[in-house]
N, C-alpha and C. Protein backbone atom coordinates (compact mmCIF):
# COMPACT_ATOMS: atom_id res chain seq x y z
N MET A 1 -7.33 -179.10 -86.23
CA MET A 1 -6.77 -178.44 -85.37
C MET A 1 -6.99 -178.31 -84.17
N SER A 2 -5.69 -178.59 -83.25
CA SER A 2 -6.19 -178.90 -82.07
C SER A 2 -6.89 -177.76 -81.18
N LYS A 3 -7.48 -177.72 -80.15
CA LYS A 3 -7.69 -176.51 -79.38
C LYS A 3 -7.07 -175.23 -78.99
N GLU A 4 -5.93 -175.78 -78.52
CA GLU A 4 -4.72 -175.07 -78.60
C GLU A 4 -4.57 -174.11 -79.89
N ASN A 5 -4.42 -174.44 -81.04
CA ASN A 5 -4.56 -173.74 -82.04
C ASN A 5 -5.82 -172.94 -82.52
N LEU A 6 -6.57 -173.77 -82.23
CA LEU A 6 -8.24 -173.12 -82.46
C LEU A 6 -8.10 -171.42 -81.71
N HIS A 7 -7.94 -171.77 -80.31
CA HIS A 7 -7.79 -170.65 -79.09
C HIS A 7 -6.67 -169.72 -79.77
N ASN A 8 -5.39 -169.80 -80.12
CA ASN A 8 -4.85 -168.87 -80.76
C ASN A 8 -4.66 -168.14 -82.20
N ASN A 9 -5.41 -168.80 -82.31
CA ASN A 9 -6.14 -168.36 -84.17
C ASN A 9 -7.55 -167.61 -84.21
N GLN A 10 -7.66 -166.76 -82.87
CA GLN A 10 -8.90 -166.18 -83.24
C GLN A 10 -9.58 -165.60 -84.85
N ALA A 11 -10.64 -165.61 -85.02
CA ALA A 11 -10.89 -164.68 -86.27
C ALA A 11 -9.87 -165.28 -87.09
N GLY A 12 -9.35 -166.31 -87.19
CA GLY A 12 -8.26 -166.61 -88.79
C GLY A 12 -7.47 -165.56 -88.60
N GLN A 13 -7.48 -164.75 -87.40
CA GLN A 13 -5.85 -163.51 -87.85
C GLN A 13 -4.93 -164.23 -87.41
N GLY A 14 -4.82 -165.43 -86.54
CA GLY A 14 -3.42 -166.16 -86.47
C GLY A 14 -2.21 -165.17 -85.65
N ASN A 15 -1.14 -165.20 -85.82
CA ASN A 15 -0.02 -164.72 -85.03
C ASN A 15 0.76 -163.88 -85.34
N ASP A 16 0.39 -163.72 -86.73
CA ASP A 16 1.44 -163.12 -87.64
C ASP A 16 1.28 -161.30 -87.95
N ASN A 17 2.76 -161.42 -87.36
CA ASN A 17 2.83 -159.66 -86.78
C ASN A 17 2.80 -158.79 -87.92
N SER A 18 2.78 -159.52 -89.25
CA SER A 18 2.85 -158.31 -90.27
C SER A 18 1.73 -158.16 -90.74
N ASN A 19 0.24 -158.44 -90.05
CA ASN A 19 -1.38 -159.00 -90.50
C ASN A 19 -1.41 -157.42 -89.98
N PRO A 20 -1.91 -156.53 -90.79
CA PRO A 20 -2.31 -154.96 -90.73
C PRO A 20 -3.70 -155.39 -89.85
N ALA A 21 -4.43 -156.15 -89.88
CA ALA A 21 -5.56 -156.42 -89.37
C ALA A 21 -5.82 -156.26 -88.00
N VAL A 22 -4.48 -156.74 -87.42
CA VAL A 22 -4.56 -156.90 -86.28
C VAL A 22 -4.01 -155.84 -85.36
N HIS A 23 -3.21 -154.75 -86.32
CA HIS A 23 -2.86 -153.47 -85.83
C HIS A 23 -3.39 -152.77 -84.37
N GLY A 24 -3.04 -152.43 -83.35
CA GLY A 24 -3.56 -151.94 -82.30
C GLY A 24 -4.44 -152.65 -81.54
N GLY A 25 -4.42 -154.08 -81.80
CA GLY A 25 -4.80 -154.91 -80.75
C GLY A 25 -3.81 -155.62 -79.87
N SER A 26 -3.83 -156.74 -79.26
CA SER A 26 -2.67 -157.14 -78.70
C SER A 26 -1.77 -157.59 -79.18
N ILE A 27 -1.45 -157.83 -80.12
CA ILE A 27 -0.20 -157.67 -81.03
C ILE A 27 0.92 -156.66 -80.72
N ASN A 28 0.54 -155.36 -79.99
CA ASN A 28 1.25 -154.31 -80.09
C ASN A 28 1.42 -154.09 -78.38
N LYS A 29 1.03 -155.32 -77.50
CA LYS A 29 1.35 -155.20 -76.36
C LYS A 29 2.80 -156.10 -75.79
N ILE A 30 3.51 -156.06 -75.17
CA ILE A 30 4.68 -156.33 -75.09
C ILE A 30 4.65 -156.41 -72.99
N THR A 31 5.43 -157.46 -72.48
CA THR A 31 5.78 -157.64 -71.17
C THR A 31 7.30 -157.24 -71.30
N ILE A 32 7.77 -156.18 -70.08
CA ILE A 32 9.02 -155.98 -70.00
C ILE A 32 9.03 -156.13 -68.37
N LEU A 33 10.36 -155.68 -67.91
CA LEU A 33 10.78 -156.05 -66.38
C LEU A 33 10.98 -155.09 -66.15
N VAL A 34 10.57 -154.23 -65.20
CA VAL A 34 11.03 -152.90 -64.33
C VAL A 34 11.62 -153.49 -63.01
N ARG A 35 13.00 -153.18 -63.16
CA ARG A 35 14.15 -153.47 -61.45
C ARG A 35 13.60 -151.90 -60.70
N PHE A 36 13.52 -152.17 -59.51
CA PHE A 36 13.75 -151.09 -58.77
C PHE A 36 14.18 -151.82 -57.67
N GLN A 37 15.62 -150.98 -57.09
CA GLN A 37 15.95 -151.80 -55.73
C GLN A 37 16.41 -153.60 -56.11
N ASN A 38 15.72 -153.86 -55.25
CA ASN A 38 16.00 -155.85 -54.97
C ASN A 38 15.35 -155.98 -56.07
N GLU A 39 14.17 -155.03 -56.11
CA GLU A 39 12.52 -156.24 -57.20
C GLU A 39 12.60 -156.11 -58.42
N THR A 40 12.20 -156.64 -58.72
CA THR A 40 12.20 -156.99 -60.44
C THR A 40 10.29 -157.53 -60.80
N VAL A 41 9.50 -156.56 -61.49
CA VAL A 41 8.11 -156.72 -61.60
C VAL A 41 7.90 -157.17 -63.01
N PRO A 42 7.26 -157.63 -63.62
CA PRO A 42 6.70 -157.69 -65.20
C PRO A 42 5.33 -156.55 -65.20
N VAL A 43 5.98 -155.85 -66.28
CA VAL A 43 4.58 -154.42 -66.45
C VAL A 43 4.42 -154.60 -67.96
N THR A 44 2.63 -155.08 -68.21
CA THR A 44 2.65 -155.32 -69.78
C THR A 44 2.05 -154.07 -70.35
N VAL A 45 2.37 -153.50 -71.40
CA VAL A 45 2.02 -151.65 -72.07
C VAL A 45 2.00 -152.04 -73.57
N ASN A 46 1.49 -151.06 -73.83
CA ASN A 46 1.20 -151.05 -75.80
C ASN A 46 2.45 -150.25 -76.23
N ARG A 47 2.84 -150.89 -77.30
CA ARG A 47 3.84 -149.93 -77.75
C ARG A 47 3.64 -148.55 -78.09
N ASN A 48 2.52 -148.49 -78.19
CA ASN A 48 2.00 -146.96 -78.75
C ASN A 48 1.72 -145.84 -77.72
N GLU A 49 1.90 -146.08 -76.09
CA GLU A 49 1.97 -145.71 -75.17
C GLU A 49 3.03 -144.65 -74.59
N SER A 50 2.88 -143.36 -73.99
CA SER A 50 3.96 -142.80 -73.69
C SER A 50 4.95 -143.34 -72.36
N ILE A 51 5.75 -143.02 -72.74
CA ILE A 51 6.93 -143.07 -71.48
C ILE A 51 6.06 -143.16 -70.30
N SER A 52 5.89 -141.89 -70.27
CA SER A 52 4.67 -141.46 -68.81
C SER A 52 3.96 -142.03 -68.48
N ALA A 53 3.39 -142.81 -69.41
CA ALA A 53 1.97 -143.90 -69.16
C ALA A 53 2.83 -145.00 -68.66
N LEU A 54 4.03 -145.44 -69.24
CA LEU A 54 4.58 -146.52 -69.13
C LEU A 54 5.36 -146.28 -67.71
N LEU A 55 6.16 -145.18 -66.98
CA LEU A 55 6.58 -145.04 -65.84
C LEU A 55 5.20 -145.16 -64.64
N GLN A 56 4.22 -144.64 -65.11
CA GLN A 56 3.15 -144.67 -64.16
C GLN A 56 2.64 -146.03 -63.37
N GLN A 57 2.62 -146.98 -64.45
CA GLN A 57 2.75 -148.20 -64.40
C GLN A 57 3.48 -148.94 -63.77
N ALA A 58 4.91 -148.50 -63.83
CA ALA A 58 5.91 -149.36 -63.18
C ALA A 58 5.86 -148.84 -61.57
N ILE A 59 5.57 -147.53 -61.58
CA ILE A 59 5.64 -147.01 -59.67
C ILE A 59 4.23 -147.76 -59.45
N HIS A 60 3.19 -148.30 -60.33
CA HIS A 60 2.06 -148.81 -59.20
C HIS A 60 2.74 -150.45 -59.13
N GLY A 61 3.07 -151.35 -60.14
CA GLY A 61 3.74 -151.93 -60.25
C GLY A 61 4.81 -152.38 -59.13
N THR A 62 5.71 -151.76 -58.77
CA THR A 62 6.68 -151.82 -57.55
C THR A 62 6.21 -151.01 -56.22
N LYS A 63 5.03 -150.79 -56.30
CA LYS A 63 4.10 -150.33 -55.26
C LYS A 63 4.71 -149.42 -54.23
N ASN A 64 5.08 -147.89 -55.39
CA ASN A 64 5.98 -147.02 -54.93
C ASN A 64 4.95 -145.85 -55.31
N ASN A 65 3.57 -145.83 -54.95
CA ASN A 65 2.53 -145.19 -55.20
C ASN A 65 2.70 -143.73 -54.06
N SER A 66 3.42 -143.82 -52.71
CA SER A 66 3.56 -142.65 -51.80
C SER A 66 4.56 -141.80 -52.54
N VAL A 67 5.28 -142.06 -53.30
CA VAL A 67 6.55 -141.09 -54.22
C VAL A 67 6.11 -140.66 -55.22
N SER A 68 6.12 -139.14 -55.26
CA SER A 68 5.88 -138.89 -56.41
C SER A 68 5.89 -139.13 -57.55
N LYS A 69 5.15 -139.03 -58.97
CA LYS A 69 5.66 -139.43 -60.17
C LYS A 69 6.79 -138.69 -60.60
N ASP A 70 7.14 -137.51 -60.20
CA ASP A 70 8.48 -136.77 -60.71
C ASP A 70 9.29 -136.49 -60.08
N ARG A 71 9.66 -137.71 -59.14
CA ARG A 71 10.94 -137.77 -58.08
C ARG A 71 11.22 -139.04 -59.15
N PHE A 72 10.60 -140.01 -59.89
CA PHE A 72 11.05 -141.11 -60.56
C PHE A 72 11.50 -140.82 -62.08
N GLN A 73 12.57 -141.82 -62.71
CA GLN A 73 13.14 -142.10 -64.12
C GLN A 73 12.98 -143.27 -64.62
N LEU A 74 12.83 -143.42 -65.68
CA LEU A 74 13.01 -144.98 -66.06
C LEU A 74 14.21 -144.57 -66.89
N LYS A 75 15.20 -145.84 -66.95
CA LYS A 75 16.49 -145.92 -67.70
C LYS A 75 16.49 -147.42 -68.23
N LEU A 76 16.99 -147.38 -69.44
CA LEU A 76 17.47 -148.36 -70.33
C LEU A 76 18.79 -148.59 -70.85
N GLY A 77 19.54 -149.39 -70.01
CA GLY A 77 20.70 -149.41 -70.42
C GLY A 77 21.45 -148.35 -69.37
N GLY A 78 21.78 -147.36 -70.13
CA GLY A 78 22.15 -145.90 -69.28
C GLY A 78 21.89 -144.84 -69.66
N THR A 79 20.43 -144.61 -70.66
CA THR A 79 19.62 -143.86 -71.06
C THR A 79 18.73 -143.67 -70.36
N VAL A 80 18.36 -142.42 -69.77
CA VAL A 80 17.14 -142.05 -69.31
C VAL A 80 15.94 -141.93 -70.49
N LEU A 81 14.91 -142.68 -70.11
CA LEU A 81 13.97 -142.27 -71.22
C LEU A 81 13.20 -141.30 -70.86
N ASP A 82 12.95 -140.50 -72.39
CA ASP A 82 12.31 -139.31 -72.46
C ASP A 82 10.60 -138.97 -72.36
N LEU A 83 10.21 -138.79 -71.11
CA LEU A 83 8.61 -138.83 -70.88
C LEU A 83 7.62 -138.29 -71.85
N ASN A 84 8.12 -137.91 -72.67
CA ASN A 84 7.50 -137.14 -73.76
C ASN A 84 7.15 -138.07 -75.09
N LYS A 85 8.22 -138.98 -75.40
CA LYS A 85 8.43 -139.98 -76.34
C LYS A 85 7.35 -141.44 -76.01
N LYS A 86 7.00 -142.04 -76.70
CA LYS A 86 6.50 -143.31 -77.01
C LYS A 86 7.29 -144.61 -76.79
N VAL A 87 6.96 -145.66 -75.86
CA VAL A 87 7.88 -146.76 -75.89
C VAL A 87 8.56 -147.43 -76.97
N SER A 88 7.59 -147.36 -78.52
CA SER A 88 7.69 -147.87 -79.65
C SER A 88 9.06 -146.62 -80.62
N ASP A 89 9.51 -145.54 -79.50
CA ASP A 89 10.46 -144.66 -80.09
C ASP A 89 11.80 -145.15 -79.23
N TYR A 90 11.72 -146.24 -78.81
CA TYR A 90 12.79 -146.54 -77.81
C TYR A 90 13.36 -148.53 -78.55
N SER A 91 14.32 -148.84 -78.42
CA SER A 91 14.66 -150.28 -78.65
C SER A 91 14.20 -151.34 -77.47
N ILE A 92 13.05 -151.01 -76.73
CA ILE A 92 12.23 -151.57 -75.74
C ILE A 92 11.45 -152.63 -76.57
N LEU A 93 11.74 -154.01 -76.32
CA LEU A 93 11.28 -155.30 -76.72
C LEU A 93 10.65 -156.08 -75.63
N GLU A 94 10.00 -157.42 -76.15
CA GLU A 94 9.65 -158.51 -74.90
C GLU A 94 10.69 -158.89 -74.52
N GLY A 95 10.42 -158.55 -72.87
CA GLY A 95 11.70 -159.19 -71.73
C GLY A 95 12.49 -158.14 -71.63
N SER A 96 12.44 -156.88 -72.06
CA SER A 96 13.61 -156.02 -71.99
C SER A 96 13.46 -155.52 -70.36
N ILE A 97 14.72 -155.16 -69.60
CA ILE A 97 14.61 -154.83 -68.45
C ILE A 97 14.55 -153.29 -68.24
N LEU A 98 14.05 -152.60 -67.71
CA LEU A 98 14.34 -151.15 -67.36
C LEU A 98 14.46 -150.72 -65.82
N VAL A 99 15.39 -149.81 -65.95
CA VAL A 99 15.28 -149.50 -64.41
C VAL A 99 14.59 -148.47 -63.69
N LEU A 100 13.77 -148.65 -63.01
CA LEU A 100 13.06 -147.51 -62.24
C LEU A 100 13.89 -147.13 -61.22
N SER A 101 14.18 -145.43 -61.08
CA SER A 101 15.06 -145.25 -60.24
C SER A 101 14.22 -143.59 -59.75
N LEU A 102 15.02 -143.36 -58.44
CA LEU A 102 14.80 -141.56 -58.08
C LEU A 102 15.73 -141.06 -58.75
N THR A 103 15.12 -139.85 -58.86
CA THR A 103 16.09 -138.89 -59.90
C THR A 103 16.97 -138.46 -58.62
N ALA A 104 18.02 -137.82 -59.38
CA ALA A 104 19.11 -137.39 -58.62
C ALA A 104 18.66 -135.95 -58.35
N GLY A 105 19.59 -135.20 -57.18
CA GLY A 105 19.73 -133.81 -56.84
C GLY A 105 18.40 -133.58 -55.55
N GLY A 106 17.97 -132.23 -56.03
CA GLY A 106 17.19 -131.77 -54.82
C GLY A 106 17.31 -131.91 -53.29
N GLY A 107 18.53 -131.92 -53.53
CA GLY A 107 19.25 -131.75 -52.11
C GLY A 107 18.75 -131.00 -51.12
N GLY A 108 17.47 -129.65 -51.36
CA GLY A 108 16.84 -129.23 -50.51
C GLY A 108 17.38 -127.57 -50.10
N ASN A 109 17.13 -126.61 -48.97
CA ASN A 109 17.64 -125.46 -49.46
C ASN A 109 18.97 -125.33 -48.13
N TYR A 110 19.62 -126.22 -48.41
CA TYR A 110 20.92 -125.64 -46.96
C TYR A 110 21.60 -124.77 -48.08
N LYS A 111 22.22 -124.08 -47.11
CA LYS A 111 23.19 -123.20 -47.84
C LYS A 111 24.50 -123.18 -46.73
N PHE A 112 25.55 -122.90 -47.79
CA PHE A 112 27.13 -123.41 -47.19
C PHE A 112 27.38 -121.70 -46.66
N LYS A 113 27.86 -122.12 -45.68
CA LYS A 113 28.00 -120.69 -44.56
C LYS A 113 29.72 -120.20 -45.02
C-alpha cells in the first residue's frame, strides 16, 4: 500500500461514504463556493449545520463582518435559503455555488407628501 493510500485510509475506515462508522466525521464536510459581488470564496461546512451557521461563515469568509448578519441572505439558484433549515435540507453539494447578497427593502422612514 502506498503512503498516500495509507494516509487516506485511516484506521481501516477508508473513504466509503456508506460506512456508518464514519458518520459525523469529516465525511459530512463539504466545501462550497460563496459568491459576493465579484468575489468567490470557498467555505467548508458540515452538512448537519444550520443555514444560519453557514451564513455566518459566508459573511466571515467574504470579510463582511461590519454589516449585521440579518441584512444578508444566501441563495441557491433563485431560492433564498431558510435560516432555520440545515445544509442537508437543500441540494447543496461539494462545489455548489451560493450567492450571498444584501436583503432587499429597508428603505428608511421616508414619507411621501
